């Protein structure tokens, strides 16, 4: 199912606000790529300005970046996993991923780890509005 043209789907990115600014930016960017890869219609809107500058829109809906402390991230991850509807997706950025510079190393490490025992730097959610809001409604915007 594509997000494009689907009004009842919401997106949110949740990050640990204590991360240094470079890591924070990297976490948000990486999760954003995961969101777009999971739903190709999410940012696949071609636009063109009056003089003819053609480009892809960054997204077809707001993408709030919210904040949650380390312990809240674990709780959010568990609740999202347990309650995830068929139309929902969960994107995770575990902290140990920063130590790996090759995706194959990361991909091979995941089955050997228990993410409930790992620090999670960021979580991306998209799916039915009710589901995303139930998970993120009490979180503050990252400032």
N, C-alpha and C. Protein backbone atom coordinates (compact mmCIF):
# COMPACT_ATOMS: atom_id res chain seq x y z
N UNK A 1 0.84 -1.18 0.00
CA UNK A 1 0.00 0.00 0.00
C UNK A 1 0.89 1.24 0.00
N UNK A 2 0.61 2.17 -0.83
CA UNK A 2 1.37 3.40 -0.92
C UNK A 2 0.70 4.49 -0.09
N UNK A 3 1.51 5.35 0.50
CA UNK A 3 0.97 6.47 1.26
C UNK A 3 0.33 7.51 0.36
N UNK A 4 0.82 7.63 -0.87
CA UNK A 4 0.34 8.67 -1.78
C UNK A 4 -1.16 8.57 -1.97
N UNK A 5 -1.83 9.65 -1.66
CA UNK A 5 -3.28 9.68 -1.83
C UNK A 5 -4.05 9.01 -0.71
N UNK A 6 -3.40 8.60 0.33
CA UNK A 6 -4.06 7.93 1.46
C UNK A 6 -4.12 8.90 2.62
N UNK A 7 -5.29 9.49 2.85
CA UNK A 7 -5.44 10.53 3.85
C UNK A 7 -5.39 10.06 5.28
N UNK A 8 -5.70 8.81 5.55
CA UNK A 8 -5.77 8.35 6.94
C UNK A 8 -4.44 7.74 7.41
N UNK A 9 -3.36 8.05 6.77
CA UNK A 9 -2.06 7.54 7.20
C UNK A 9 -1.20 8.69 7.70
N UNK A 10 -0.50 8.44 8.79
CA UNK A 10 0.31 9.47 9.44
C UNK A 10 1.75 8.98 9.56
N UNK A 11 2.66 9.92 9.64
CA UNK A 11 4.08 9.65 9.77
C UNK A 11 4.61 10.36 11.01
N UNK A 12 5.56 9.75 11.69
CA UNK A 12 6.26 10.41 12.80
C UNK A 12 7.64 9.82 12.93
N UNK A 13 8.58 10.66 13.31
CA UNK A 13 9.95 10.23 13.62
C UNK A 13 10.19 10.64 15.07
N UNK A 14 10.70 9.71 15.86
CA UNK A 14 10.98 9.96 17.28
C UNK A 14 12.46 9.72 17.50
N UNK A 15 13.13 10.69 18.14
CA UNK A 15 14.57 10.57 18.37
C UNK A 15 14.91 10.89 19.81
N UNK A 16 16.08 10.42 20.21
CA UNK A 16 16.64 10.71 21.52
C UNK A 16 17.22 12.13 21.46
N UNK A 17 16.66 13.09 22.20
CA UNK A 17 17.12 14.48 22.10
C UNK A 17 18.50 14.73 22.68
N UNK A 18 19.07 13.75 23.37
CA UNK A 18 20.40 13.95 23.96
C UNK A 18 21.53 13.64 22.96
N UNK A 19 21.18 13.16 21.78
CA UNK A 19 22.22 12.87 20.78
C UNK A 19 22.90 14.17 20.34
N UNK A 20 24.20 14.11 20.05
CA UNK A 20 24.86 15.28 19.47
C UNK A 20 24.18 15.65 18.14
N UNK A 21 24.24 16.92 17.76
CA UNK A 21 23.48 17.40 16.60
C UNK A 21 23.77 16.62 15.32
N UNK A 22 25.01 16.24 15.06
CA UNK A 22 25.33 15.48 13.86
C UNK A 22 24.68 14.11 13.86
N UNK A 23 24.72 13.44 15.01
CA UNK A 23 24.09 12.13 15.12
C UNK A 23 22.57 12.25 15.05
N UNK A 24 22.04 13.31 15.62
CA UNK A 24 20.60 13.56 15.56
C UNK A 24 20.16 13.73 14.10
N UNK A 25 20.89 14.56 13.37
CA UNK A 25 20.56 14.79 11.95
C UNK A 25 20.68 13.49 11.16
N UNK A 26 21.73 12.71 11.41
CA UNK A 26 21.92 11.45 10.72
C UNK A 26 20.80 10.46 11.03
N UNK A 27 20.38 10.41 12.27
CA UNK A 27 19.30 9.50 12.68
C UNK A 27 18.01 9.86 11.96
N UNK A 28 17.65 11.14 11.95
CA UNK A 28 16.42 11.58 11.28
C UNK A 28 16.52 11.30 9.78
N UNK A 29 17.64 11.61 9.16
CA UNK A 29 17.80 11.38 7.72
C UNK A 29 17.70 9.90 7.38
N UNK A 30 18.35 9.06 8.16
CA UNK A 30 18.34 7.62 7.89
C UNK A 30 16.95 7.04 8.05
N UNK A 31 16.25 7.44 9.09
CA UNK A 31 14.87 6.97 9.28
C UNK A 31 13.98 7.48 8.15
N UNK A 32 14.20 8.72 7.72
CA UNK A 32 13.44 9.27 6.59
C UNK A 32 13.63 8.46 5.32
N UNK A 33 14.84 8.01 5.07
CA UNK A 33 15.10 7.16 3.91
C UNK A 33 14.34 5.84 4.05
N UNK A 34 14.35 5.28 5.26
CA UNK A 34 13.60 4.04 5.50
C UNK A 34 12.11 4.23 5.28
N UNK A 35 11.58 5.36 5.73
CA UNK A 35 10.16 5.65 5.51
C UNK A 35 9.84 5.72 4.02
N UNK A 36 10.68 6.43 3.28
CA UNK A 36 10.46 6.57 1.84
C UNK A 36 10.62 5.26 1.09
N UNK A 37 11.57 4.45 1.53
CA UNK A 37 11.77 3.15 0.86
C UNK A 37 10.59 2.22 1.13
N UNK A 38 10.03 2.31 2.32
CA UNK A 38 8.91 1.45 2.68
C UNK A 38 7.62 1.82 1.98
N UNK A 39 7.50 3.07 1.61
CA UNK A 39 6.29 3.57 0.94
C UNK A 39 6.72 4.49 -0.19
N UNK A 40 6.99 3.94 -1.38
CA UNK A 40 7.51 4.77 -2.48
C UNK A 40 6.67 6.00 -2.81
N UNK A 41 5.37 5.97 -2.60
CA UNK A 41 4.54 7.12 -2.91
C UNK A 41 4.69 8.26 -1.93
N UNK A 42 5.38 8.03 -0.82
CA UNK A 42 5.52 9.02 0.24
C UNK A 42 6.14 10.32 -0.26
N UNK A 43 7.18 10.24 -1.06
CA UNK A 43 7.82 11.45 -1.56
C UNK A 43 7.89 11.50 -3.06
N UNK A 44 7.19 10.63 -3.73
CA UNK A 44 7.28 10.51 -5.18
C UNK A 44 6.27 11.41 -5.88
N UNK A 45 6.33 12.70 -5.56
CA UNK A 45 5.46 13.67 -6.20
C UNK A 45 6.35 14.64 -6.97
N UNK A 46 6.21 14.64 -8.28
CA UNK A 46 7.03 15.52 -9.11
C UNK A 46 6.38 16.89 -9.21
N UNK A 47 7.19 17.91 -9.00
CA UNK A 47 6.72 19.29 -9.05
C UNK A 47 7.60 20.07 -10.01
N UNK A 48 7.09 21.20 -10.47
CA UNK A 48 7.86 22.05 -11.37
C UNK A 48 7.44 23.49 -11.12
N UNK A 49 8.44 24.36 -10.93
CA UNK A 49 8.09 25.77 -10.71
C UNK A 49 7.84 26.48 -12.04
N UNK A 50 7.46 27.72 -11.99
CA UNK A 50 7.09 28.48 -13.20
C UNK A 50 8.21 28.51 -14.24
N UNK A 51 9.49 28.77 -13.85
CA UNK A 51 10.55 28.79 -14.87
C UNK A 51 10.97 27.40 -15.38
N UNK A 52 10.45 26.33 -14.76
CA UNK A 52 10.75 24.99 -15.27
C UNK A 52 11.70 24.16 -14.42
N UNK A 53 11.99 24.59 -13.19
CA UNK A 53 12.84 23.80 -12.29
C UNK A 53 12.03 22.61 -11.79
N UNK A 54 12.38 21.42 -12.26
CA UNK A 54 11.66 20.20 -11.88
C UNK A 54 12.36 19.53 -10.70
N UNK A 55 11.58 18.99 -9.76
CA UNK A 55 12.14 18.33 -8.59
C UNK A 55 11.10 17.42 -7.97
N UNK A 56 11.56 16.53 -7.11
CA UNK A 56 10.66 15.68 -6.33
C UNK A 56 10.34 16.37 -5.02
N UNK A 57 9.07 16.35 -4.63
CA UNK A 57 8.68 16.90 -3.33
C UNK A 57 9.32 16.04 -2.24
N UNK A 58 9.65 16.66 -1.13
CA UNK A 58 10.28 15.91 -0.04
C UNK A 58 9.32 14.92 0.59
N UNK A 59 8.05 15.24 0.69
CA UNK A 59 7.04 14.33 1.24
C UNK A 59 5.66 14.91 0.93
N UNK A 60 4.66 14.06 0.93
CA UNK A 60 3.31 14.54 0.61
C UNK A 60 2.46 14.78 1.85
N UNK A 61 3.12 14.81 3.03
CA UNK A 61 2.42 15.07 4.29
C UNK A 61 3.45 15.52 5.33
N UNK A 62 3.01 16.13 6.41
CA UNK A 62 3.95 16.55 7.45
C UNK A 62 4.69 15.35 8.05
N UNK A 63 5.92 15.60 8.46
CA UNK A 63 6.72 14.58 9.13
C UNK A 63 7.22 15.18 10.44
N UNK A 64 6.43 15.07 11.51
CA UNK A 64 6.88 15.64 12.78
C UNK A 64 8.06 14.84 13.33
N UNK A 65 9.03 15.58 13.87
CA UNK A 65 10.16 14.95 14.55
C UNK A 65 9.94 15.20 16.03
N UNK A 66 9.73 14.13 16.76
CA UNK A 66 9.40 14.18 18.17
C UNK A 66 10.58 13.69 18.99
N UNK A 67 10.50 13.89 20.30
CA UNK A 67 11.59 13.48 21.17
C UNK A 67 11.11 12.53 22.26
N UNK A 68 12.00 11.61 22.63
CA UNK A 68 11.71 10.68 23.72
C UNK A 68 13.02 10.26 24.36
N UNK A 69 13.01 10.17 25.67
CA UNK A 69 14.18 9.71 26.43
C UNK A 69 14.43 8.23 26.13
N UNK A 70 15.62 7.78 26.47
CA UNK A 70 16.05 6.41 26.18
C UNK A 70 15.06 5.35 26.65
N UNK A 71 14.58 5.45 27.88
CA UNK A 71 13.64 4.43 28.39
C UNK A 71 12.29 4.50 27.67
N UNK A 72 11.87 5.68 27.27
CA UNK A 72 10.62 5.84 26.53
C UNK A 72 10.74 5.22 25.13
N UNK A 73 11.93 5.28 24.55
CA UNK A 73 12.14 4.69 23.22
C UNK A 73 11.90 3.19 23.26
N UNK A 74 12.38 2.52 24.31
CA UNK A 74 12.16 1.08 24.44
C UNK A 74 10.67 0.78 24.57
N UNK A 75 9.99 1.56 25.37
CA UNK A 75 8.56 1.39 25.57
C UNK A 75 7.80 1.61 24.26
N UNK A 76 8.16 2.65 23.54
CA UNK A 76 7.53 2.96 22.26
C UNK A 76 7.76 1.84 21.26
N UNK A 77 8.99 1.35 21.18
CA UNK A 77 9.31 0.25 20.26
C UNK A 77 8.47 -0.98 20.57
N UNK A 78 8.37 -1.33 21.83
CA UNK A 78 7.59 -2.52 22.23
C UNK A 78 6.11 -2.34 21.91
N UNK A 79 5.56 -1.19 22.25
CA UNK A 79 4.14 -0.94 21.98
C UNK A 79 3.86 -0.91 20.48
N UNK A 80 4.75 -0.30 19.71
CA UNK A 80 4.57 -0.25 18.25
C UNK A 80 4.61 -1.65 17.66
N UNK A 81 5.52 -2.47 18.13
CA UNK A 81 5.65 -3.84 17.62
C UNK A 81 4.40 -4.66 17.93
N UNK A 82 3.94 -4.57 19.16
CA UNK A 82 2.79 -5.37 19.60
C UNK A 82 1.50 -4.94 18.90
N UNK A 83 1.33 -3.64 18.70
CA UNK A 83 0.05 -3.12 18.19
C UNK A 83 0.07 -2.82 16.69
N UNK A 84 1.16 -3.11 16.00
CA UNK A 84 1.31 -2.71 14.60
C UNK A 84 0.24 -3.33 13.71
N UNK A 85 -0.56 -2.47 13.05
CA UNK A 85 -1.56 -2.99 12.11
C UNK A 85 -0.89 -3.41 10.80
N UNK A 86 -1.63 -4.12 9.97
CA UNK A 86 -1.07 -4.55 8.68
C UNK A 86 -0.58 -3.37 7.85
N UNK A 87 -1.26 -2.24 7.93
CA UNK A 87 -0.89 -1.07 7.15
C UNK A 87 0.17 -0.22 7.85
N UNK A 88 0.73 -0.69 8.96
CA UNK A 88 1.72 0.08 9.70
C UNK A 88 3.13 -0.40 9.45
N UNK A 89 4.06 0.50 9.61
CA UNK A 89 5.48 0.16 9.49
C UNK A 89 6.26 0.78 10.64
N UNK A 90 7.31 0.08 11.03
CA UNK A 90 8.19 0.48 12.12
C UNK A 90 9.61 0.50 11.57
N UNK A 91 10.30 1.63 11.71
CA UNK A 91 11.69 1.77 11.28
C UNK A 91 12.50 2.07 12.53
N UNK A 92 13.56 1.31 12.76
CA UNK A 92 14.38 1.47 13.98
C UNK A 92 15.80 1.88 13.63
N UNK A 93 16.38 2.69 14.51
CA UNK A 93 17.79 3.05 14.41
C UNK A 93 18.45 2.72 15.75
N UNK A 94 18.98 1.49 15.89
CA UNK A 94 19.69 1.15 17.12
C UNK A 94 21.05 1.85 17.15
N UNK A 95 21.47 2.24 18.33
CA UNK A 95 22.71 2.99 18.49
C UNK A 95 23.92 2.25 17.94
N UNK A 96 23.97 0.94 18.11
CA UNK A 96 25.16 0.20 17.65
C UNK A 96 25.36 0.31 16.14
N UNK A 97 24.33 0.70 15.39
CA UNK A 97 24.47 0.83 13.94
C UNK A 97 25.53 1.86 13.56
N UNK A 98 25.78 2.83 14.44
CA UNK A 98 26.81 3.86 14.15
C UNK A 98 28.22 3.28 14.10
N UNK A 99 28.40 2.14 14.75
CA UNK A 99 29.72 1.52 14.77
C UNK A 99 30.00 0.70 13.53
N UNK A 100 28.98 0.45 12.73
CA UNK A 100 29.11 -0.38 11.54
C UNK A 100 29.01 0.51 10.30
N UNK A 101 29.97 0.38 9.42
CA UNK A 101 30.00 1.26 8.24
C UNK A 101 29.68 0.52 6.96
N UNK A 102 29.26 -0.70 7.08
CA UNK A 102 28.86 -1.50 5.92
C UNK A 102 27.49 -2.09 6.22
N UNK A 103 26.54 -1.88 5.31
CA UNK A 103 25.18 -2.33 5.57
C UNK A 103 25.10 -3.84 5.78
N UNK A 104 25.91 -4.60 5.07
CA UNK A 104 25.89 -6.06 5.24
C UNK A 104 26.28 -6.45 6.66
N UNK A 105 27.23 -5.72 7.25
CA UNK A 105 27.60 -5.99 8.65
C UNK A 105 26.41 -5.74 9.57
N UNK A 106 25.69 -4.66 9.31
CA UNK A 106 24.50 -4.33 10.10
C UNK A 106 23.43 -5.40 9.91
N UNK A 107 23.17 -5.73 8.67
CA UNK A 107 22.15 -6.73 8.36
C UNK A 107 22.46 -8.07 9.01
N UNK A 108 23.74 -8.44 9.04
CA UNK A 108 24.14 -9.71 9.67
C UNK A 108 24.14 -9.63 11.20
N UNK A 109 24.30 -8.45 11.75
CA UNK A 109 24.32 -8.29 13.21
C UNK A 109 22.93 -8.35 13.82
N UNK A 110 21.92 -7.88 13.11
CA UNK A 110 20.57 -7.80 13.66
C UNK A 110 20.05 -9.13 14.19
N UNK A 111 20.16 -10.24 13.44
CA UNK A 111 19.63 -11.51 13.96
C UNK A 111 20.35 -12.03 15.21
N UNK A 112 21.52 -11.49 15.50
CA UNK A 112 22.30 -11.93 16.66
C UNK A 112 22.03 -11.08 17.90
N UNK A 113 21.19 -10.05 17.75
CA UNK A 113 20.95 -9.10 18.84
C UNK A 113 19.50 -9.12 19.27
N UNK A 114 19.26 -8.67 20.48
CA UNK A 114 17.91 -8.47 21.00
C UNK A 114 17.75 -6.97 21.18
N UNK A 115 16.97 -6.34 20.32
CA UNK A 115 16.86 -4.88 20.35
C UNK A 115 16.22 -4.35 21.63
N UNK A 116 15.57 -5.22 22.40
CA UNK A 116 15.04 -4.76 23.69
C UNK A 116 16.18 -4.54 24.69
N UNK A 117 17.37 -5.01 24.36
CA UNK A 117 18.54 -4.81 25.21
C UNK A 117 19.50 -3.77 24.64
N UNK A 118 19.12 -3.13 23.56
CA UNK A 118 19.96 -2.15 22.88
C UNK A 118 19.42 -0.75 23.08
N UNK A 119 20.29 0.24 23.04
CA UNK A 119 19.85 1.63 23.04
C UNK A 119 19.31 1.94 21.64
N UNK A 120 18.13 2.51 21.59
CA UNK A 120 17.50 2.89 20.33
C UNK A 120 17.58 4.41 20.20
N UNK A 121 18.25 4.89 19.15
CA UNK A 121 18.40 6.33 18.94
C UNK A 121 17.22 6.96 18.24
N UNK A 122 16.50 6.17 17.45
CA UNK A 122 15.38 6.73 16.72
C UNK A 122 14.40 5.67 16.25
N UNK A 123 13.16 6.11 16.08
CA UNK A 123 12.09 5.24 15.62
C UNK A 123 11.27 6.01 14.59
N UNK A 124 10.97 5.36 13.49
CA UNK A 124 10.08 5.92 12.49
C UNK A 124 8.79 5.11 12.48
N UNK A 125 7.68 5.80 12.36
CA UNK A 125 6.38 5.15 12.31
C UNK A 125 5.59 5.70 11.14
N UNK A 126 4.92 4.83 10.42
CA UNK A 126 3.87 5.31 9.53
C UNK A 126 2.80 4.25 9.46
N UNK A 127 1.59 4.74 9.36
CA UNK A 127 0.45 3.85 9.35
C UNK A 127 -0.81 4.62 9.65
N UNK A 128 -1.86 3.90 10.00
CA UNK A 128 -3.12 4.57 10.30
C UNK A 128 -2.94 5.67 11.35
N UNK A 129 -3.57 6.80 11.11
CA UNK A 129 -3.45 7.95 12.01
C UNK A 129 -3.72 7.58 13.46
N UNK A 130 -4.75 6.81 13.70
CA UNK A 130 -5.12 6.43 15.07
C UNK A 130 -3.97 5.69 15.75
N UNK A 131 -3.30 4.79 15.03
CA UNK A 131 -2.19 4.01 15.60
C UNK A 131 -1.00 4.92 15.91
N UNK A 132 -0.60 5.73 14.95
CA UNK A 132 0.56 6.62 15.16
C UNK A 132 0.28 7.60 16.29
N UNK A 133 -0.90 8.19 16.32
CA UNK A 133 -1.24 9.14 17.39
C UNK A 133 -1.28 8.45 18.75
N UNK A 134 -1.77 7.22 18.80
CA UNK A 134 -1.83 6.52 20.09
C UNK A 134 -0.43 6.29 20.66
N UNK A 135 0.55 6.17 19.79
CA UNK A 135 1.93 5.94 20.23
C UNK A 135 2.69 7.22 20.50
N UNK A 136 2.36 8.30 19.79
CA UNK A 136 3.18 9.51 19.87
C UNK A 136 2.46 10.73 20.40
N UNK A 137 1.17 10.61 20.70
CA UNK A 137 0.37 11.77 21.10
C UNK A 137 0.89 12.52 22.31
N UNK A 138 1.60 11.86 23.20
CA UNK A 138 2.07 12.52 24.42
C UNK A 138 3.51 13.02 24.27
N UNK A 139 4.13 12.81 23.12
CA UNK A 139 5.52 13.22 22.94
C UNK A 139 5.61 14.66 22.45
N UNK A 140 6.69 15.35 22.86
CA UNK A 140 6.91 16.74 22.46
C UNK A 140 7.70 16.78 21.17
N UNK A 141 7.48 17.88 20.42
CA UNK A 141 8.29 18.12 19.23
C UNK A 141 9.74 18.34 19.62
N UNK A 142 10.65 17.89 18.77
CA UNK A 142 12.07 18.15 18.98
C UNK A 142 12.31 19.62 18.67
N UNK A 143 12.98 20.31 19.59
CA UNK A 143 13.27 21.75 19.39
C UNK A 143 14.73 22.00 19.51
